[in-house]
Amino acid sequence: SWGNLLTEPQEKAARERGELSKTCQAELFKIYNMEVFGRKKDITTRQMEKGIIAEPDSITLLCRLDKKLYEKNEKRYENEWFCGHPDIVTEDECLDIKTSWELDSFTPKLMQSLDKAYEAQLNCYFSLTQTNSGAIVYCLVSAPPIILEQEKRKLLWNMPEAATDLNPEYLEAAAELEKLMMFEDIPYEMRVIKHQVYRNDELIEKMKKKVPRLREFLAEIHKKHSSFIKTQLV
């Protein structure tokens, strides 16, 4: 959540008064609803589904490139300020895996700078694991069979004139779709993009110092909500 929690109000006066930005407040309401009512809106896209299913393939690809044996981290870390679940933790670094949906969403990462939200995320991990460096790792791996079949069914559904999956036009379109979702023909060295991140103690301290204000706002929400309920019951 730190990408949103670190945002500041646009107005200088609001910043000087120590107010929280609307984006930050919106994130805190999500946290409040999750913690108090056990409600969390999970929006699953096809890109996210691939990221979950194909993560082992992405880790294997990274192992092959780095010639290291990485293992998926199963531990959730927590300290006084942060909590999180890094994808890979070694003795000296944390790595976060991002599995790209397609080539067109992968190659632009070569020229894009590191997202500030990801920098904050990694620095939370550094604080939690006592490491000093890491990376956001974009991996391009072929779509798992279940994802490929889902996309082919969608393709057939959107081609009513094809009628069946034996129609020549569908077979041609399905072959093109498969080519766009399978990447084994591309050298593995060209299917990993790393954005290196180093520990930023100034950023970590900035996040730590903001935690009391964030908790204060959560307490204000709960106090107002409880007061409102009591008013309604009188």
Protein backbone atom coordinates (compact mmCIF):
# COMPACT_ATOMS: atom_id res chain seq x y z
CA SER A 1 0.00 0.00 0.00
CA TRP A 2 2.96 2.36 0.46
CA GLY A 3 2.81 3.73 -3.07
CA ASN A 4 -0.52 5.32 -2.14
CA LEU A 5 0.24 5.97 1.52
CA LEU A 6 3.27 8.11 0.66
CA THR A 7 1.36 10.51 -1.57
CA GLU A 8 1.08 14.09 -0.32
CA PRO A 9 -1.69 16.68 -0.84
CA GLN A 10 -1.22 18.90 -3.88
CA GLU A 11 -1.96 22.07 -1.92
CA LYS A 12 1.01 23.49 -0.02
CA ALA A 13 -1.20 24.65 2.87
CA ALA A 14 -2.64 21.15 3.29
CA ARG A 15 0.86 19.68 3.38
CA GLU A 16 1.96 22.22 5.99
CA ARG A 17 -1.05 21.35 8.15
CA GLY A 18 -0.01 17.71 8.02
CA GLU A 19 -3.14 16.59 6.19
CA LEU A 20 -3.25 13.28 4.37
CA SER A 21 -3.86 13.21 0.64
CA LYS A 22 -7.15 11.90 -0.75
CA THR A 23 -5.26 8.96 -2.27
CA CYS A 24 -3.69 8.14 1.08
CA GLN A 25 -7.05 8.40 2.84
CA ALA A 26 -8.70 6.12 0.28
CA GLU A 27 -6.02 3.49 0.93
CA LEU A 28 -6.54 3.78 4.68
CA PHE A 29 -10.29 3.23 4.30
CA LYS A 30 -9.49 -0.01 2.42
CA ILE A 31 -7.19 -1.05 5.27
CA TYR A 32 -9.87 -0.15 7.83
CA ASN A 33 -12.54 -2.19 6.03
CA MET A 34 -10.18 -5.15 5.78
CA GLU A 35 -9.07 -5.09 9.40
CA VAL A 36 -12.40 -4.22 11.07
CA PHE A 37 -14.90 -5.98 8.80
CA GLY A 38 -12.77 -8.60 7.08
CA ARG A 39 -13.66 -7.24 3.65
CA LYS A 40 -11.07 -6.89 0.91
CA LYS A 41 -11.99 -6.30 -2.71
CA ASP A 42 -9.84 -8.67 -4.75
CA ILE A 43 -9.93 -7.78 -8.42
CA THR A 44 -8.43 -10.59 -10.48
CA THR A 45 -7.47 -9.84 -14.07
CA ARG A 46 -6.14 -12.30 -16.59
CA GLN A 47 -2.71 -10.68 -16.14
CA MET A 48 -2.87 -11.28 -12.38
CA GLU A 49 -4.05 -14.86 -12.91
CA LYS A 50 -1.06 -15.57 -15.13
CA GLY A 51 1.22 -13.91 -12.57
CA ILE A 52 0.02 -16.33 -9.89
CA ILE A 53 -0.02 -19.52 -11.96
CA ALA A 54 3.20 -18.86 -13.88
CA GLU A 55 5.27 -17.53 -10.95
CA PRO A 56 7.18 -20.84 -10.54
CA ASP A 57 8.12 -20.65 -14.24
CA SER A 58 9.34 -17.08 -13.76
CA ILE A 59 11.47 -18.09 -10.77
CA THR A 60 12.91 -20.99 -12.78
CA LEU A 61 13.74 -18.59 -15.62
CA LEU A 62 15.53 -16.28 -13.19
CA CYS A 63 17.46 -19.22 -11.71
CA ARG A 64 18.60 -20.13 -15.19
CA LEU A 65 19.73 -16.60 -15.96
CA ASP A 66 21.51 -15.92 -12.65
CA LYS A 67 22.78 -19.49 -12.29
CA LYS A 68 21.46 -19.51 -8.72
CA LEU A 69 18.94 -21.72 -6.97
CA TYR A 70 16.16 -19.36 -5.88
CA GLU A 71 13.21 -20.65 -3.91
CA LYS A 72 9.79 -19.09 -3.40
CA ASN A 73 9.59 -17.43 0.00
CA GLU A 74 6.64 -18.70 2.02
CA LYS A 75 7.19 -16.51 5.09
CA ARG A 76 5.28 -13.32 5.84
CA TYR A 77 7.42 -10.78 7.68
CA GLU A 78 6.27 -8.17 10.18
CA ASN A 79 7.88 -5.56 12.41
CA GLU A 80 6.75 -2.48 14.30
CA TRP A 81 6.09 -0.49 11.13
CA PHE A 82 5.69 -2.80 8.15
CA CYS A 83 4.48 -6.20 7.05
CA GLY A 84 4.99 -7.96 3.75
CA HIS A 85 5.62 -11.13 1.80
CA PRO A 86 8.66 -10.87 -0.52
CA ASP A 87 8.74 -13.33 -3.42
CA ILE A 88 12.39 -14.30 -2.95
CA VAL A 89 14.63 -13.68 0.07
CA THR A 90 18.33 -14.53 0.15
CA GLU A 91 21.03 -13.68 2.67
CA ASP A 92 21.66 -10.29 1.09
CA GLU A 93 18.73 -9.36 -1.14
CA CYS A 94 14.98 -9.40 -1.76
CA LEU A 95 13.54 -9.98 -5.22
CA ASP A 96 10.00 -9.26 -6.36
CA ILE A 97 8.78 -11.13 -9.44
CA LYS A 98 6.49 -9.53 -12.02
CA THR A 99 5.33 -11.96 -14.70
CA SER A 100 4.48 -10.08 -17.90
CA TRP A 101 1.34 -10.96 -19.83
CA GLU A 102 2.81 -10.46 -23.30
CA LEU A 103 5.81 -9.18 -25.21
CA ASP A 104 4.20 -5.77 -25.73
CA SER A 105 3.90 -5.21 -21.97
CA PHE A 106 7.38 -6.64 -21.29
CA THR A 107 9.81 -4.82 -23.60
CA PRO A 108 8.72 -1.28 -22.59
CA LYS A 109 10.14 -2.04 -19.12
CA LEU A 110 13.58 -1.71 -20.73
CA MET A 111 13.12 2.05 -21.04
CA GLN A 112 10.84 2.77 -18.09
CA SER A 113 12.21 4.02 -14.80
CA LEU A 114 11.44 2.19 -11.58
CA ASP A 115 7.96 2.86 -10.22
CA LYS A 116 8.17 4.80 -6.93
CA ALA A 117 5.60 2.47 -5.39
CA TYR A 118 7.87 -0.51 -6.13
CA GLU A 119 10.84 1.32 -4.62
CA ALA A 120 8.84 1.83 -1.43
CA GLN A 121 7.70 -1.81 -1.48
CA LEU A 122 11.28 -3.11 -1.77
CA ASN A 123 12.49 -0.81 1.00
CA CYS A 124 9.77 -2.18 3.28
CA TYR A 125 11.17 -5.62 2.50
CA PHE A 126 14.71 -4.42 3.25
CA SER A 127 13.55 -3.17 6.65
CA LEU A 128 11.72 -6.43 7.34
CA THR A 129 14.50 -8.78 6.27
CA GLN A 130 17.58 -6.70 7.18
CA THR A 131 18.82 -6.83 3.59
CA ASN A 132 20.39 -3.98 1.63
CA SER A 133 19.51 -4.57 -2.01
CA GLY A 134 17.15 -6.30 -4.37
CA ALA A 135 15.29 -5.90 -7.61
CA ILE A 136 11.96 -5.77 -9.34
CA VAL A 137 12.28 -8.60 -11.86
CA TYR A 138 10.07 -8.66 -14.95
CA CYS A 139 9.88 -12.14 -16.50
CA LEU A 140 8.46 -13.21 -19.85
CA VAL A 141 7.30 -16.83 -19.71
CA SER A 142 4.83 -18.74 -21.85
CA ALA A 143 1.20 -18.81 -20.80
CA PRO A 144 0.31 -21.89 -18.72
CA PRO A 145 -1.97 -24.34 -20.61
CA ILE A 146 -5.05 -23.36 -18.57
CA ILE A 147 -4.58 -19.67 -19.47
CA LEU A 148 -3.97 -20.47 -23.14
CA GLU A 149 -7.12 -22.60 -23.32
CA GLN A 150 -9.17 -19.86 -21.65
CA GLU A 151 -7.99 -17.34 -24.23
CA LYS A 152 -8.76 -19.74 -27.09
CA ARG A 153 -12.30 -20.25 -25.76
CA LYS A 154 -12.76 -16.48 -25.63
CA LEU A 155 -11.49 -16.25 -29.19
CA LEU A 156 -13.98 -18.86 -30.40
CA TRP A 157 -16.80 -17.16 -28.50
CA ASN A 158 -15.97 -13.88 -30.26
CA MET A 159 -16.02 -15.59 -33.66
CA PRO A 160 -19.66 -16.75 -33.98
CA GLU A 161 -19.17 -17.26 -37.69
CA ALA A 162 -16.55 -19.95 -36.91
CA ALA A 163 -19.17 -22.18 -35.19
CA THR A 164 -16.65 -24.85 -34.13
CA ASP A 165 -12.98 -25.07 -33.21
CA LEU A 166 -12.40 -26.95 -36.47
CA ASN A 167 -13.21 -23.95 -38.61
CA PRO A 168 -10.15 -22.94 -40.71
CA GLU A 169 -10.50 -19.26 -39.81
CA TYR A 170 -10.58 -20.08 -36.10
CA LEU A 171 -7.61 -22.45 -36.39
CA GLU A 172 -5.59 -19.73 -38.11
CA ALA A 173 -6.56 -17.14 -35.47
CA ALA A 174 -5.85 -19.62 -32.64
CA ALA A 175 -2.40 -20.33 -34.05
CA GLU A 176 -1.63 -16.61 -34.14
CA LEU A 177 -2.94 -16.22 -30.59
CA GLU A 178 -0.72 -19.04 -29.39
CA LYS A 179 2.30 -17.42 -31.03
CA LEU A 180 1.56 -14.21 -29.11
CA MET A 181 1.39 -16.09 -25.79
CA MET A 182 4.30 -18.53 -26.10
CA PHE A 183 7.90 -17.35 -25.87
CA GLU A 184 10.19 -20.39 -25.81
CA ASP A 185 11.63 -19.37 -29.19
CA ILE A 186 13.05 -16.18 -27.61
CA PRO A 187 16.46 -16.63 -25.91
CA TYR A 188 15.97 -16.86 -22.16
CA GLU A 189 18.55 -14.12 -21.60
CA MET A 190 16.19 -11.69 -23.38
CA ARG A 191 13.19 -12.63 -21.25
CA VAL A 192 14.26 -11.10 -17.93
CA ILE A 193 14.46 -7.38 -17.12
CA LYS A 194 15.81 -6.35 -13.71
CA HIS A 195 15.34 -2.96 -12.08
CA GLN A 196 17.90 -2.88 -9.30
CA VAL A 197 16.87 -1.30 -5.99
CA TYR A 198 19.19 -0.39 -3.12
CA ARG A 199 18.32 0.22 0.49
CA ASN A 200 17.29 3.83 1.05
CA ASP A 201 17.39 4.51 4.78
CA GLU A 202 16.03 8.02 4.26
CA LEU A 203 12.94 6.60 2.55
CA ILE A 204 12.55 3.91 5.22
CA GLU A 205 12.68 6.54 7.97
CA LYS A 206 10.18 8.69 6.07
CA MET A 207 7.73 5.78 5.99
CA LYS A 208 8.34 4.95 9.64
CA LYS A 209 7.69 8.55 10.69
CA LYS A 210 4.39 8.57 8.78
CA VAL A 211 3.08 5.41 10.45
CA PRO A 212 1.82 7.17 13.65
CA ARG A 213 -0.20 9.66 11.57
CA LEU A 214 -1.69 6.83 9.51
CA ARG A 215 -2.67 4.93 12.65
CA GLU A 216 -4.12 8.10 14.09
CA PHE A 217 -6.36 8.49 11.03
CA LEU A 218 -7.49 4.86 11.31
CA ALA A 219 -8.36 5.50 14.96
CA GLU A 220 -10.31 8.61 13.93
CA ILE A 221 -12.32 6.55 11.44
CA HIS A 222 -13.15 3.93 14.05
CA LYS A 223 -14.02 6.51 16.70
CA LYS A 224 -16.36 8.37 14.34
CA HIS A 225 -17.94 5.15 13.14
CA SER A 226 -18.52 3.92 16.69
CA SER A 227 -19.92 7.32 17.71
CA PHE A 228 -22.29 7.30 14.75
CA ILE A 229 -23.57 3.85 15.68
CA LYS A 230 -24.23 4.92 19.29
CA THR A 231 -26.09 8.00 18.05
CA GLN A 232 -28.34 5.87 15.91
CA LEU A 233 -29.16 3.57 18.82
CA VAL A 234 -30.21 6.38 21.18
